[in-house]
PDB file of N, CA and C in Angstrom:
ATOM      1  N   MET A   1       0.907  -1.102  -0.044  1.00  0.00           N
ATOM      2  CA  MET A   1       0.009   0.092  -0.010  1.00  0.00           C
ATOM      3  C   MET A   1       0.812   1.222  -0.008  1.00  0.00           C
ATOM      4  N   GLN A   2       2.045   1.167   0.703  1.00  0.00           N
ATOM      5  CA  GLN A   2       2.990   2.456   0.639  1.00  0.00           C
ATOM      6  C   GLN A   2       3.465   2.484  -0.563  1.00  0.00           C
ATOM      7  N   ALA A   3       3.774   1.619  -1.467  1.00  0.00           N
ATOM      8  CA  ALA A   3       4.103   2.022  -2.771  1.00  0.00           C
ATOM      9  C   ALA A   3       3.073   2.649  -3.582  1.00  0.00           C
ATOM     10  N   TRP A   4       1.809   2.095  -3.549  1.00  0.00           N
ATOM     11  CA  TRP A   4       0.979   2.739  -4.335  1.00  0.00           C
ATOM     12  C   TRP A   4       0.583   4.181  -3.967  1.00  0.00           C
ATOM     13  N   LYS A   5       0.773   4.687  -2.503  1.00  0.00           N
ATOM     14  CA  LYS A   5       0.604   5.872  -2.057  1.00  0.00           C
ATOM     15  C   LYS A   5       1.838   6.886  -2.793  1.00  0.00           C
ATOM     16  N   LEU A   6       2.938   6.217  -2.715  1.00  0.00           N
ATOM     17  CA  LEU A   6       4.083   7.027  -3.365  1.00  0.00           C
ATOM     18  C   LEU A   6       3.838   7.059  -4.911  1.00  0.00           C
ATOM     19  N   HIS A   7       3.376   6.118  -5.441  1.00  0.00           N
ATOM     20  CA  HIS A   7       2.996   6.169  -7.034  1.00  0.00           C
ATOM     21  C   HIS A   7       1.819   7.275  -7.192  1.00  0.00           C
ATOM     22  N   LYS A   8       1.006   7.321  -6.206  1.00  0.00           N
ATOM     23  CA  LYS A   8       0.011   8.368  -6.457  1.00  0.00           C
ATOM     24  C   LYS A   8       0.503   9.594  -6.276  1.00  0.00           C
ATOM     25  N   LYS A   9       1.666   9.721  -5.615  1.00  0.00           N
ATOM     26  CA  LYS A   9       2.368  11.138  -5.279  1.00  0.00           C
ATOM     27  C   LYS A   9       3.317  11.686  -6.347  1.00  0.00           C
ATOM     28  N   GLY A  10       3.273  10.588  -7.513  1.00  0.00           N
ATOM     29  CA  GLY A  10       4.266  10.991  -8.591  1.00  0.00           C
ATOM     30  C   GLY A  10       5.567  10.342  -8.542  1.00  0.00           C
ATOM     31  N   TRP A  11       5.817   9.536  -7.538  1.00  0.00           N
ATOM     32  CA  TRP A  11       7.087   8.969  -7.529  1.00  0.00           C
ATOM     33  C   TRP A  11       7.537   8.045  -8.694  1.00  0.00           C
ATOM     34  N   LYS A  12       8.620   7.927  -9.141  1.00  0.00           N
ATOM     35  CA  LYS A  12       9.029   6.944 -10.224  1.00  0.00           C
ATOM     36  C   LYS A  12       9.090   5.362  -9.543  1.00  0.00           C
ATOM     37  N   GLN A  13       8.938   4.470 -10.302  1.00  0.00           N
ATOM     38  CA  GLN A  13       8.996   3.296  -9.857  1.00  0.00           C
ATOM     39  C   GLN A  13      10.471   2.760  -9.129  1.00  0.00           C
ATOM     40  N   LYS A  14      11.557   3.356  -9.844  1.00  0.00           N
ATOM     41  CA  LYS A  14      12.745   3.043  -9.207  1.00  0.00           C
ATOM     42  C   LYS A  14      12.963   3.564  -8.097  1.00  0.00           C
ATOM     43  N   ASP A  15      12.469   4.740  -7.823  1.00  0.00           N
ATOM     44  CA  ASP A  15      12.695   5.576  -6.424  1.00  0.00           C
ATOM     45  C   ASP A  15      11.867   4.917  -5.323  1.00  0.00           C
ATOM     46  N   ILE A  16      10.544   4.433  -5.682  1.00  0.00           N
ATOM     47  CA  ILE A  16       9.595   3.590  -4.744  1.00  0.00           C
ATOM     48  C   ILE A  16      10.538   2.311  -4.308  1.00  0.00           C
ATOM     49  N   ALA A  17      11.060   1.800  -5.325  1.00  0.00           N
ATOM     50  CA  ALA A  17      11.605   0.428  -4.852  1.00  0.00           C
ATOM     51  C   ALA A  17      12.917   0.754  -4.023  1.00  0.00           C
ATOM     52  N   GLU A  18      13.611   1.934  -4.175  1.00  0.00           N
ATOM     53  CA  GLU A  18      14.819   2.151  -3.526  1.00  0.00           C
ATOM     54  C   GLU A  18      14.322   2.514  -2.039  1.00  0.00           C
ATOM     55  N   ALA A  19      13.262   3.354  -1.894  1.00  0.00           N
ATOM     56  CA  ALA A  19      12.852   3.864  -0.737  1.00  0.00           C
ATOM     57  C   ALA A  19      12.144   2.695   0.141  1.00  0.00           C
ATOM     58  N   LEU A  20      11.587   1.760  -0.390  1.00  0.00           N
ATOM     59  CA  LEU A  20      11.294   0.589   0.311  1.00  0.00           C
ATOM     60  C   LEU A  20      11.953  -0.602   0.422  1.00  0.00           C
ATOM     61  N   GLY A  21      13.199  -0.428  -0.285  1.00  0.00           N
ATOM     62  CA  GLY A  21      14.137  -1.519  -0.054  1.00  0.00           C
ATOM     63  C   GLY A  21      13.929  -2.705  -0.716  1.00  0.00           C
ATOM     64  N   VAL A  22      13.318  -2.653  -2.023  1.00  0.00           N
ATOM     65  CA  VAL A  22      12.787  -3.773  -2.722  1.00  0.00           C
ATOM     66  C   VAL A  22      13.131  -3.480  -4.219  1.00  0.00           C
ATOM     67  N   THR A  23      13.124  -4.587  -4.755  1.00  0.00           N
ATOM     68  CA  THR A  23      13.321  -4.594  -6.255  1.00  0.00           C
ATOM     69  C   THR A  23      12.340  -3.865  -7.118  1.00  0.00           C
ATOM     70  N   GLU A  24      12.800  -3.191  -8.122  1.00  0.00           N
ATOM     71  CA  GLU A  24      11.832  -2.685  -9.155  1.00  0.00           C
ATOM     72  C   GLU A  24      10.931  -3.700  -9.653  1.00  0.00           C
ATOM     73  N   ASP A  25      11.259  -4.842  -9.917  1.00  0.00           N
ATOM     74  CA  ASP A  25      10.431  -5.956 -10.387  1.00  0.00           C
ATOM     75  C   ASP A  25       9.219  -6.253  -9.293  1.00  0.00           C
ATOM     76  N   ALA A  26       9.520  -6.058  -7.984  1.00  0.00           N
ATOM     77  CA  ALA A  26       8.528  -6.245  -6.905  1.00  0.00           C
ATOM     78  C   ALA A  26       7.550  -5.221  -7.021  1.00  0.00           C
ATOM     79  N   VAL A  27       7.822  -3.660  -7.351  1.00  0.00           N
ATOM     80  CA  VAL A  27       7.012  -2.753  -7.501  1.00  0.00           C
ATOM     81  C   VAL A  27       6.247  -2.841  -8.657  1.00  0.00           C
ATOM     82  N   SER A  28       6.816  -3.477  -9.622  1.00  0.00           N
ATOM     83  CA  SER A  28       6.029  -3.647 -10.874  1.00  0.00           C
ATOM     84  C   SER A  28       4.862  -4.680 -10.747  1.00  0.00           C
ATOM     85  N   GLN A  29       5.191  -5.621 -10.001  1.00  0.00           N
ATOM     86  CA  GLN A  29       4.203  -6.705  -9.649  1.00  0.00           C
ATOM     87  C   GLN A  29       3.155  -6.378  -8.827  1.00  0.00           C
ATOM     88  N   TRP A  30       3.445  -5.445  -7.818  1.00  0.00           N
ATOM     89  CA  TRP A  30       2.413  -4.653  -7.025  1.00  0.00           C
ATOM     90  C   TRP A  30       1.530  -3.798  -8.047  1.00  0.00           C
ATOM     91  N   PHE A  31       2.013  -3.160  -8.733  1.00  0.00           N
ATOM     92  CA  PHE A  31       1.277  -2.312  -9.433  1.00  0.00           C
ATOM     93  C   PHE A  31       0.357  -3.145 -10.493  1.00  0.00           C
ATOM     94  N   LYS A  32       0.758  -4.184 -11.007  1.00  0.00           N
ATOM     95  CA  LYS A  32       0.001  -5.004 -11.939  1.00  0.00           C
ATOM     96  C   LYS A  32      -1.107  -5.672 -11.091  1.00  0.00           C
ATOM     97  N   LYS A  33      -0.864  -6.128 -10.106  1.00  0.00           N
ATOM     98  CA  LYS A  33      -1.992  -6.531  -9.185  1.00  0.00           C
ATOM     99  C   LYS A  33      -2.926  -5.553  -8.668  1.00  0.00           C
ATOM    100  N   ALA A  34      -2.450  -4.423  -8.439  1.00  0.00           N
ATOM    101  CA  ALA A  34      -3.444  -3.385  -8.122  1.00  0.00           C
ATOM    102  C   ALA A  34      -4.353  -2.964  -9.269  1.00  0.00           C
ATOM    103  N   ARG A  35      -3.869  -2.976 -10.598  1.00  0.00           N
ATOM    104  CA  ARG A  35      -4.496  -2.778 -11.984  1.00  0.00           C
ATOM    105  C   ARG A  35      -5.404  -3.742 -11.964  1.00  0.00           C
ATOM    106  N   GLU A  36      -5.040  -5.092 -11.810  1.00  0.00           N
ATOM    107  CA  GLU A  36      -5.808  -6.242 -12.203  1.00  0.00           C
ATOM    108  C   GLU A  36      -7.057  -6.509 -11.059  1.00  0.00           C
ATOM    109  N   GLN A  37      -6.449  -6.333  -9.891  1.00  0.00           N
ATOM    110  CA  GLN A  37      -7.370  -6.799  -8.718  1.00  0.00           C
ATOM    111  C   GLN A  37      -8.042  -5.606  -8.006  1.00  0.00           C
ATOM    112  N   GLY A  38      -7.382  -4.448  -8.066  1.00  0.00           N
ATOM    113  CA  GLY A  38      -7.896  -3.310  -7.289  1.00  0.00           C
ATOM    114  C   GLY A  38      -6.984  -3.175  -6.213  1.00  0.00           C
ATOM    115  N   VAL A  39      -6.908  -1.943  -5.669  1.00  0.00           N
ATOM    116  CA  VAL A  39      -5.812  -1.491  -4.910  1.00  0.00           C
ATOM    117  C   VAL A  39      -5.815  -2.159  -3.661  1.00  0.00           C
ATOM    118  N   GLU A  40      -7.231  -2.568  -3.173  1.00  0.00           N
ATOM    119  CA  GLU A  40      -7.254  -3.397  -1.954  1.00  0.00           C
ATOM    120  C   GLU A  40      -6.646  -4.539  -1.892  1.00  0.00           C
ATOM    121  N   ALA A  41      -6.227  -5.236  -3.212  1.00  0.00           N
ATOM    122  CA  ALA A  41      -5.438  -6.500  -3.209  1.00  0.00           C
ATOM    123  C   ALA A  41      -4.114  -6.401  -2.503  1.00  0.00           C
ATOM    124  N   LEU A  42      -3.576  -5.055  -2.553  1.00  0.00           N
ATOM    125  CA  LEU A  42      -2.294  -4.709  -2.044  1.00  0.00           C
ATOM    126  C   LEU A  42      -2.146  -4.872  -0.335  1.00  0.00           C
ATOM    127  N   LYS A  43      -3.189  -4.817   0.239  1.00  0.00           N
ATOM    128  CA  LYS A  43      -3.519  -4.813   1.720  1.00  0.00           C
ATOM    129  C   LYS A  43      -2.723  -6.237   2.153  1.00  0.00           C
ATOM    130  N   HIS A  44      -2.010  -6.067   3.120  1.00  0.00           N
ATOM    131  CA  HIS A  44      -1.380  -7.310   3.805  1.00  0.00           C
ATOM    132  C   HIS A  44      -2.480  -8.036   4.384  1.00  0.00           C
ATOM    133  N   LYS A  45      -2.419  -9.538   3.992  1.00  0.00           N
ATOM    134  CA  LYS A  45      -3.325 -10.481   4.554  1.00  0.00           C
ATOM    135  C   LYS A  45      -2.563 -11.306   5.489  1.00  0.00           C
ATOM    136  N   SER A  46      -2.909 -11.462   6.975  1.00  0.00           N
ATOM    137  CA  SER A  46      -2.252 -12.495   7.581  1.00  0.00           C
ATOM    138  C   SER A  46      -2.565 -13.884   7.045  1.00  0.00           C
ATOM    139  N   PRO A  47      -1.419 -14.751   7.172  1.00  0.00           N
ATOM    140  CA  PRO A  47      -1.719 -16.072   6.706  1.00  0.00           C
ATOM    141  C   PRO A  47      -2.611 -16.694   7.832  1.00  0.00           C
ATOM    142  N   PRO A  48      -3.612 -17.493   7.251  1.00  0.00           N
ATOM    143  CA  PRO A  48      -4.671 -18.313   8.175  1.00  0.00           C
ATOM    144  C   PRO A  48      -3.929 -19.192   9.322  1.00  0.00           C
ATOM    145  N   GLY A  49      -4.380 -19.446  10.375  1.00  0.00           N
ATOM    146  CA  GLY A  49      -4.029 -20.086  11.403  1.00  0.00           C
ATOM    147  C   GLY A  49      -3.911 -21.644  11.026  1.00  0.00           C
ATOM    148  N   ALA A  50      -3.437 -22.464  11.807  1.00  0.00           N
ATOM    149  CA  ALA A  50      -3.777 -23.997  11.384  1.00  0.00           C
ATOM    150  C   ALA A  50      -5.091 -24.358  11.650  1.00  0.00           C
ATOM    151  N   ILE A  51      -5.465 -25.326  10.665  1.00  0.00           N
ATOM    152  CA  ILE A  51      -6.806 -25.903  10.774  1.00  0.00           C
ATOM    153  C   ILE A  51      -6.824 -26.758  12.036  1.00  0.00           C
ATOM    154  N   PRO A  52      -7.963 -26.414  12.901  1.00  0.00           N
ATOM    155  CA  PRO A  52      -8.039 -27.226  14.159  1.00  0.00           C
ATOM    156  C   PRO A  52      -8.144 -28.613  13.804  1.00  0.00           C
ATOM    157  N   LYS A  53      -7.746 -29.449  14.671  1.00  0.00           N
ATOM    158  CA  LYS A  53      -7.805 -31.071  14.280  1.00  0.00           C
ATOM    159  C   LYS A  53      -9.041 -31.552  14.732  1.00  0.00           C
ATOM    160  N   TRP A  54      -9.708 -30.833  15.620  1.00  0.00           N
ATOM    161  CA  TRP A  54     -10.895 -31.360  16.040  1.00  0.00           C
ATOM    162  C   TRP A  54     -12.119 -30.472  15.817  1.00  0.00           C
ATOM    163  N   SER A  55     -13.452 -30.969  15.579  1.00  0.00           N
ATOM    164  CA  SER A  55     -14.619 -30.129  15.247  1.00  0.00           C
ATOM    165  C   SER A  55     -14.926 -29.219  16.319  1.00  0.00           C
ATOM    166  N   LYS A  56     -15.907 -28.364  16.031  1.00  0.00           N
ATOM    167  CA  LYS A  56     -16.317 -27.478  16.549  1.00  0.00           C
ATOM    168  C   LYS A  56     -17.262 -28.119  17.710  1.00  0.00           C
ATOM    169  N   GLU A  57     -17.972 -29.126  17.475  1.00  0.00           N
ATOM    170  CA  GLU A  57     -18.772 -29.963  18.244  1.00  0.00           C
ATOM    171  C   GLU A  57     -17.906 -30.634  19.492  1.00  0.00           C
ATOM    172  N   GLN A  58     -16.717 -31.011  19.042  1.00  0.00           N
ATOM    173  CA  GLN A  58     -15.829 -31.712  19.892  1.00  0.00           C
ATOM    174  C   GLN A  58     -15.086 -30.694  20.792  1.00  0.00           C
ATOM    175  N   GLN A  59     -14.970 -29.532  20.350  1.00  0.00           N
ATOM    176  CA  GLN A  59     -14.432 -28.378  21.162  1.00  0.00           C
ATOM    177  C   GLN A  59     -15.449 -28.131  22.259  1.00  0.00           C
ATOM    178  N   ALA A  60     -16.562 -28.154  21.787  1.00  0.00           N
ATOM    179  CA  ALA A  60     -17.599 -27.629  22.758  1.00  0.00           C
ATOM    180  C   ALA A  60     -17.919 -28.671  23.779  1.00  0.00           C
ATOM    181  N   GLN A  61     -17.622 -29.885  23.569  1.00  0.00           N
ATOM    182  CA  GLN A  61     -17.643 -30.871  24.707  1.00  0.00           C
ATOM    183  C   GLN A  61     -16.481 -30.741  25.669  1.00  0.00           C
ATOM    184  N   PHE A  62     -15.384 -30.294  25.263  1.00  0.00           N
ATOM    185  CA  PHE A  62     -14.224 -30.195  25.972  1.00  0.00           C
ATOM    186  C   PHE A  62     -14.176 -29.674  27.641  1.00  0.00           C
ATOM    187  N   PRO A  63     -15.084 -28.513  27.678  1.00  0.00           N
ATOM    188  CA  PRO A  63     -15.152 -28.050  29.020  1.00  0.00           C
ATOM    189  C   PRO A  63     -15.850 -29.114  30.013  1.00  0.00           C
ATOM    190  N   ALA A  64     -16.935 -29.648  29.701  1.00  0.00           N
ATOM    191  CA  ALA A  64     -17.614 -30.525  30.304  1.00  0.00           C
ATOM    192  C   ALA A  64     -16.729 -32.004  30.717  1.00  0.00           C
ATOM    193  N   LEU A  65     -16.068 -32.351  29.712  1.00  0.00           N
ATOM    194  CA  LEU A  65     -15.149 -33.307  30.141  1.00  0.00           C
ATOM    195  C   LEU A  65     -14.252 -33.124  31.050  1.00  0.00           C
ATOM    196  N   LEU A  66     -13.417 -31.896  30.928  1.00  0.00           N
ATOM    197  CA  LEU A  66     -12.533 -31.439  32.015  1.00  0.00           C
ATOM    198  C   LEU A  66     -13.365 -31.390  33.390  1.00  0.00           C
ATOM    199  N   GLU A  67     -14.554 -31.125  33.471  1.00  0.00           N
ATOM    200  CA  GLU A  67     -15.229 -30.960  34.678  1.00  0.00           C
ATOM    201  C   GLU A  67     -15.499 -32.239  35.570  1.00  0.00           C
ATOM    202  N   GLN A  68     -15.540 -33.338  34.628  1.00  0.00           N
ATOM    203  CA  GLN A  68     -15.719 -34.555  35.114  1.00  0.00           C
ATOM    204  C   GLN A  68     -14.545 -35.117  35.945  1.00  0.00           C
ATOM    205  N   GLY A  69     -13.442 -34.367  35.848  1.00  0.00           N
ATOM    206  CA  GLY A  69     -12.057 -34.567  36.716  1.00  0.00           C
ATOM    207  C   GLY A  69     -11.361 -35.648  36.046  1.00  0.00           C
ATOM    208  N   ALA A  70      -9.951 -35.481  36.411  1.00  0.00           N
ATOM    209  CA  ALA A  70      -9.135 -36.449  35.721  1.00  0.00           C
ATOM    210  C   ALA A  70      -9.254 -38.006  36.013  1.00  0.00           C
ATOM    211  N   GLU A  71      -9.857 -38.354  37.221  1.00  0.00           N
ATOM    212  CA  GLU A  71      -9.923 -39.710  37.749  1.00  0.00           C
ATOM    213  C   GLU A  71     -11.063 -40.286  36.654  1.00  0.00           C
ATOM    214  N   ALA A  72     -11.825 -39.493  36.180  1.00  0.00           N
ATOM    215  CA  ALA A  72     -12.991 -40.164  35.207  1.00  0.00           C
ATOM    216  C   ALA A  72     -12.391 -40.650  33.990  1.00  0.00           C
ATOM    217  N   PHE A  73     -11.225 -40.256  33.870  1.00  0.00           N
ATOM    218  CA  PHE A  73     -10.554 -40.915  32.522  1.00  0.00           C
ATOM    219  C   PHE A  73      -9.256 -41.737  32.920  1.00  0.00           C
ATOM    220  N   GLY A  74      -9.134 -42.234  34.101  1.00  0.00           N
ATOM    221  CA  GLY A  74      -8.394 -43.286  34.589  1.00  0.00           C
ATOM    222  C   GLY A  74      -7.134 -42.887  35.094  1.00  0.00           C
ATOM    223  N   PHE A  75      -6.934 -41.314  35.423  1.00  0.00           N
ATOM    224  CA  PHE A  75      -5.793 -40.885  35.929  1.00  0.00           C
ATOM    225  C   PHE A  75      -5.860 -41.001  37.658  1.00  0.00           C
ATOM    226  N   ARG A  76      -4.964 -41.074  38.163  1.00  0.00           N
ATOM    227  CA  ARG A  76      -4.904 -41.083  39.849  1.00  0.00           C
ATOM    228  C   ARG A  76      -4.923 -39.708  40.156  1.00  0.00           C
ATOM    229  N   GLY A  77      -5.883 -39.279  40.910  1.00  0.00           N
ATOM    230  CA  GLY A  77      -5.986 -37.843  41.484  1.00  0.00           C
ATOM    231  C   GLY A  77      -6.636 -37.113  40.427  1.00  0.00           C
ATOM    232  N   GLN A  78      -7.289 -35.952  41.092  1.00  0.00           N
ATOM    233  CA  GLN A  78      -7.885 -35.031  40.422  1.00  0.00           C
ATOM    234  C   GLN A  78      -7.256 -33.885  39.471  1.00  0.00           C
ATOM    235  N   VAL A  79      -5.810 -33.967  39.618  1.00  0.00           N
ATOM    236  CA  VAL A  79      -5.232 -33.000  38.998  1.00  0.00           C
ATOM    237  C   VAL A  79      -5.143 -33.052  37.453  1.00  0.00           C
ATOM    238  N   TRP A  80      -5.387 -31.815  36.872  1.00  0.00           N
ATOM    239  CA  TRP A  80      -5.254 -31.977  35.124  1.00  0.00           C
ATOM    240  C   TRP A  80      -3.899 -31.388  34.739  1.00  0.00           C
ATOM    241  N   THR A  81      -2.904 -32.245  34.403  1.00  0.00           N
ATOM    242  CA  THR A  81      -1.754 -31.593  33.805  1.00  0.00           C
ATOM    243  C   THR A  81      -1.976 -31.465  32.256  1.00  0.00           C
ATOM    244  N   THR A  82      -1.174 -30.876  31.556  1.00  0.00           N
ATOM    245  CA  THR A  82      -1.129 -30.593  30.071  1.00  0.00           C
ATOM    246  C   THR A  82      -1.048 -32.034  29.281  1.00  0.00           C
ATOM    247  N   ALA A  83      -0.022 -32.885  30.123  1.00  0.00           N
ATOM    248  CA  ALA A  83      -0.040 -34.237  29.391  1.00  0.00           C
ATOM    249  C   ALA A  83      -1.402 -35.188  29.543  1.00  0.00           C
ATOM    250  N   ARG A  84      -1.958 -34.988  30.687  1.00  0.00           N
ATOM    251  CA  ARG A  84      -3.140 -35.650  31.020  1.00  0.00           C
ATOM    252  C   ARG A  84      -4.346 -35.250  29.936  1.00  0.00           C
ATOM    253  N   VAL A  85      -4.361 -33.976  29.794  1.00  0.00           N
ATOM    254  CA  VAL A  85      -5.297 -33.162  28.848  1.00  0.00           C
ATOM    255  C   VAL A  85      -5.166 -33.807  27.471  1.00  0.00           C
ATOM    256  N   ALA A  86      -3.896 -33.794  26.951  1.00  0.00           N
ATOM    257  CA  ALA A  86      -3.452 -34.472  25.649  1.00  0.00           C
ATOM    258  C   ALA A  86      -3.899 -35.884  25.499  1.00  0.00           C
ATOM    259  N   GLN A  87      -3.708 -36.760  26.477  1.00  0.00           N
ATOM    260  CA  GLN A  87      -4.169 -38.050  26.618  1.00  0.00           C
ATOM    261  C   GLN A  87      -5.513 -38.249  26.471  1.00  0.00           C
ATOM    262  N   MET A  88      -6.351 -37.407  27.201  1.00  0.00           N
ATOM    263  CA  MET A  88      -7.811 -37.296  27.394  1.00  0.00           C
ATOM    264  C   MET A  88      -8.306 -37.195  26.141  1.00  0.00           C
ATOM    265  N   ILE A  89      -7.932 -35.859  25.490  1.00  0.00           N
ATOM    266  CA  ILE A  89      -8.323 -35.452  24.051  1.00  0.00           C
ATOM    267  C   ILE A  89      -8.042 -36.810  23.109  1.00  0.00           C
ATOM    268  N   GLN A  90      -6.996 -37.455  23.067  1.00  0.00           N
ATOM    269  CA  GLN A  90      -6.667 -38.427  22.082  1.00  0.00           C
ATOM    270  C   GLN A  90      -7.786 -39.520  22.538  1.00  0.00           C
ATOM    271  N   GLN A  91      -7.927 -39.891  23.861  1.00  0.00           N
ATOM    272  CA  GLN A  91      -8.667 -40.983  24.162  1.00  0.00           C
ATOM    273  C   GLN A  91     -10.293 -40.702  23.552  1.00  0.00           C
ATOM    274  N   GLN A  92     -10.784 -39.546  23.704  1.00  0.00           N
ATOM    275  CA  GLN A  92     -12.111 -39.215  23.456  1.00  0.00           C
ATOM    276  C   GLN A  92     -12.429 -38.757  22.093  1.00  0.00           C
ATOM    277  N   PHE A  93     -11.451 -38.274  21.439  1.00  0.00           N
ATOM    278  CA  PHE A  93     -11.677 -37.774  20.095  1.00  0.00           C
ATOM    279  C   PHE A  93     -10.717 -38.424  18.899  1.00  0.00           C
ATOM    280  N   GLY A  94      -9.731 -39.032  19.303  1.00  0.00           N
ATOM    281  CA  GLY A  94      -8.777 -39.674  18.585  1.00  0.00           C
ATOM    282  C   GLY A  94      -7.997 -38.711  17.714  1.00  0.00           C
ATOM    283  N   VAL A  95      -7.690 -37.606  18.482  1.00  0.00           N
ATOM    284  CA  VAL A  95      -6.783 -36.475  18.069  1.00  0.00           C
ATOM    285  C   VAL A  95      -5.627 -36.226  18.830  1.00  0.00           C
ATOM    286  N   LYS A  96      -4.598 -36.221  18.307  1.00  0.00           N
ATOM    287  CA  LYS A  96      -3.185 -35.991  19.128  1.00  0.00           C
ATOM    288  C   LYS A  96      -2.885 -34.659  19.172  1.00  0.00           C
ATOM    289  N   TYR A  97      -2.673 -34.130  20.487  1.00  0.00           N
ATOM    290  CA  TYR A  97      -2.102 -32.632  20.562  1.00  0.00           C
ATOM    291  C   TYR A  97      -0.894 -32.780  21.490  1.00  0.00           C
ATOM    292  N   HIS A  98      -0.016 -31.853  21.202  1.00  0.00           N
ATOM    293  CA  HIS A  98       1.225 -31.742  22.190  1.00  0.00           C
ATOM    294  C   HIS A  98       0.744 -31.364  23.335  1.00  0.00           C
ATOM    295  N   PRO A  99       1.243 -31.716  24.537  1.00  0.00           N
ATOM    296  CA  PRO A  99       0.832 -31.186  25.865  1.00  0.00           C
ATOM    297  C   PRO A  99       1.172 -29.666  25.850  1.00  0.00           C
ATOM    298  N   ALA A 100       2.191 -29.073  25.368  1.00  0.00           N
ATOM    299  CA  ALA A 100       2.302 -27.670  25.174  1.00  0.00           C
ATOM    300  C   ALA A 100       1.110 -26.984  24.446  1.00  0.00           C
ATOM    301  N   HIS A 101       0.471 -27.379  23.595  1.00  0.00           N
ATOM    302  CA  HIS A 101      -0.517 -26.882  22.742  1.00  0.00           C
ATOM    303  C   HIS A 101      -1.800 -26.847  23.741  1.00  0.00           C
ATOM    304  N   CYS A 102      -1.778 -28.042  24.609  1.00  0.00           N
ATOM    305  CA  CYS A 102      -2.888 -28.150  25.556  1.00  0.00           C
ATOM    306  C   CYS A 102      -3.015 -27.026  26.453  1.00  0.00           C
ATOM    307  N   SER A 103      -1.965 -26.481  26.752  1.00  0.00           N
ATOM    308  CA  SER A 103      -1.808 -25.195  27.676  1.00  0.00           C
ATOM    309  C   SER A 103      -2.382 -24.201  26.968  1.00  0.00           C
ATOM    310  N   LEU A 104      -2.270 -23.911  25.642  1.00  0.00           N
ATOM    311  CA  LEU A 104      -2.965 -22.934  24.921  1.00  0.00           C
ATOM    312  C   LEU A 104      -4.579 -23.168  25.017  1.00  0.00           C
ATOM    313  N   LEU A 105      -5.102 -24.449  24.722  1.00  0.00           N
ATOM    314  CA  LEU A 105      -6.338 -24.698  24.850  1.00  0.00           C
ATOM    315  C   LEU A 105      -6.893 -24.524  26.268  1.00  0.00           C
ATOM    316  N   LEU A 106      -6.330 -24.747  27.355  1.00  0.00           N
ATOM    317  CA  LEU A 106      -6.851 -24.389  28.680  1.00  0.00           C
ATOM    318  C   LEU A 106      -7.024 -22.957  28.832  1.00  0.00           C
ATOM    319  N   ARG A 107      -5.775 -22.296  28.454  1.00  0.00           N
ATOM    320  CA  ARG A 107      -5.861 -20.758  28.614  1.00  0.00           C
ATOM    321  C   ARG A 107      -7.038 -20.198  27.763  1.00  0.00           C
ATOM    322  N   HIS A 108      -7.286 -20.724  26.718  1.00  0.00           N
ATOM    323  CA  HIS A 108      -8.448 -20.239  25.981  1.00  0.00           C
ATOM    324  C   HIS A 108      -9.777 -20.391  26.567  1.00  0.00           C
ATOM    325  N   LEU A 109     -10.010 -21.313  27.399  1.00  0.00           N
ATOM    326  CA  LEU A 109     -10.843 -21.957  28.173  1.00  0.00           C
ATOM    327  C   LEU A 109     -11.096 -20.868  29.734  1.00  0.00           C
ATOM    328  N   LYS A 110     -10.083 -20.511  29.902  1.00  0.00           N
ATOM    329  CA  LYS A 110      -9.739 -19.516  31.204  1.00  0.00           C
ATOM    330  C   LYS A 110     -10.126 -20.543  32.391  1.00  0.00           C
TER     331      LYS A 110
END
């Protein structure tokens, strides 16, 4: 978008490339994209995150399963650890998550 703004101010393509620290070819490709798809196509789009390994329905069941306690899933003691959560998810849904990722899932639930 910065390149397009400079272009609209009358800057030359080589000057835009130099100012932004890119090649003239890159600037040329951006302008071609803007002409063909519109200026909005130049806006940065964050890459999508990983596709969840489990469905929305399974995710919705997760809090209730945790509330049953760790012993309900064959663990000794009611303490949930991330390793136990990973095992429970695999037992219940057939989905493997690394224990470190389970920490993120738990934080998401608060």
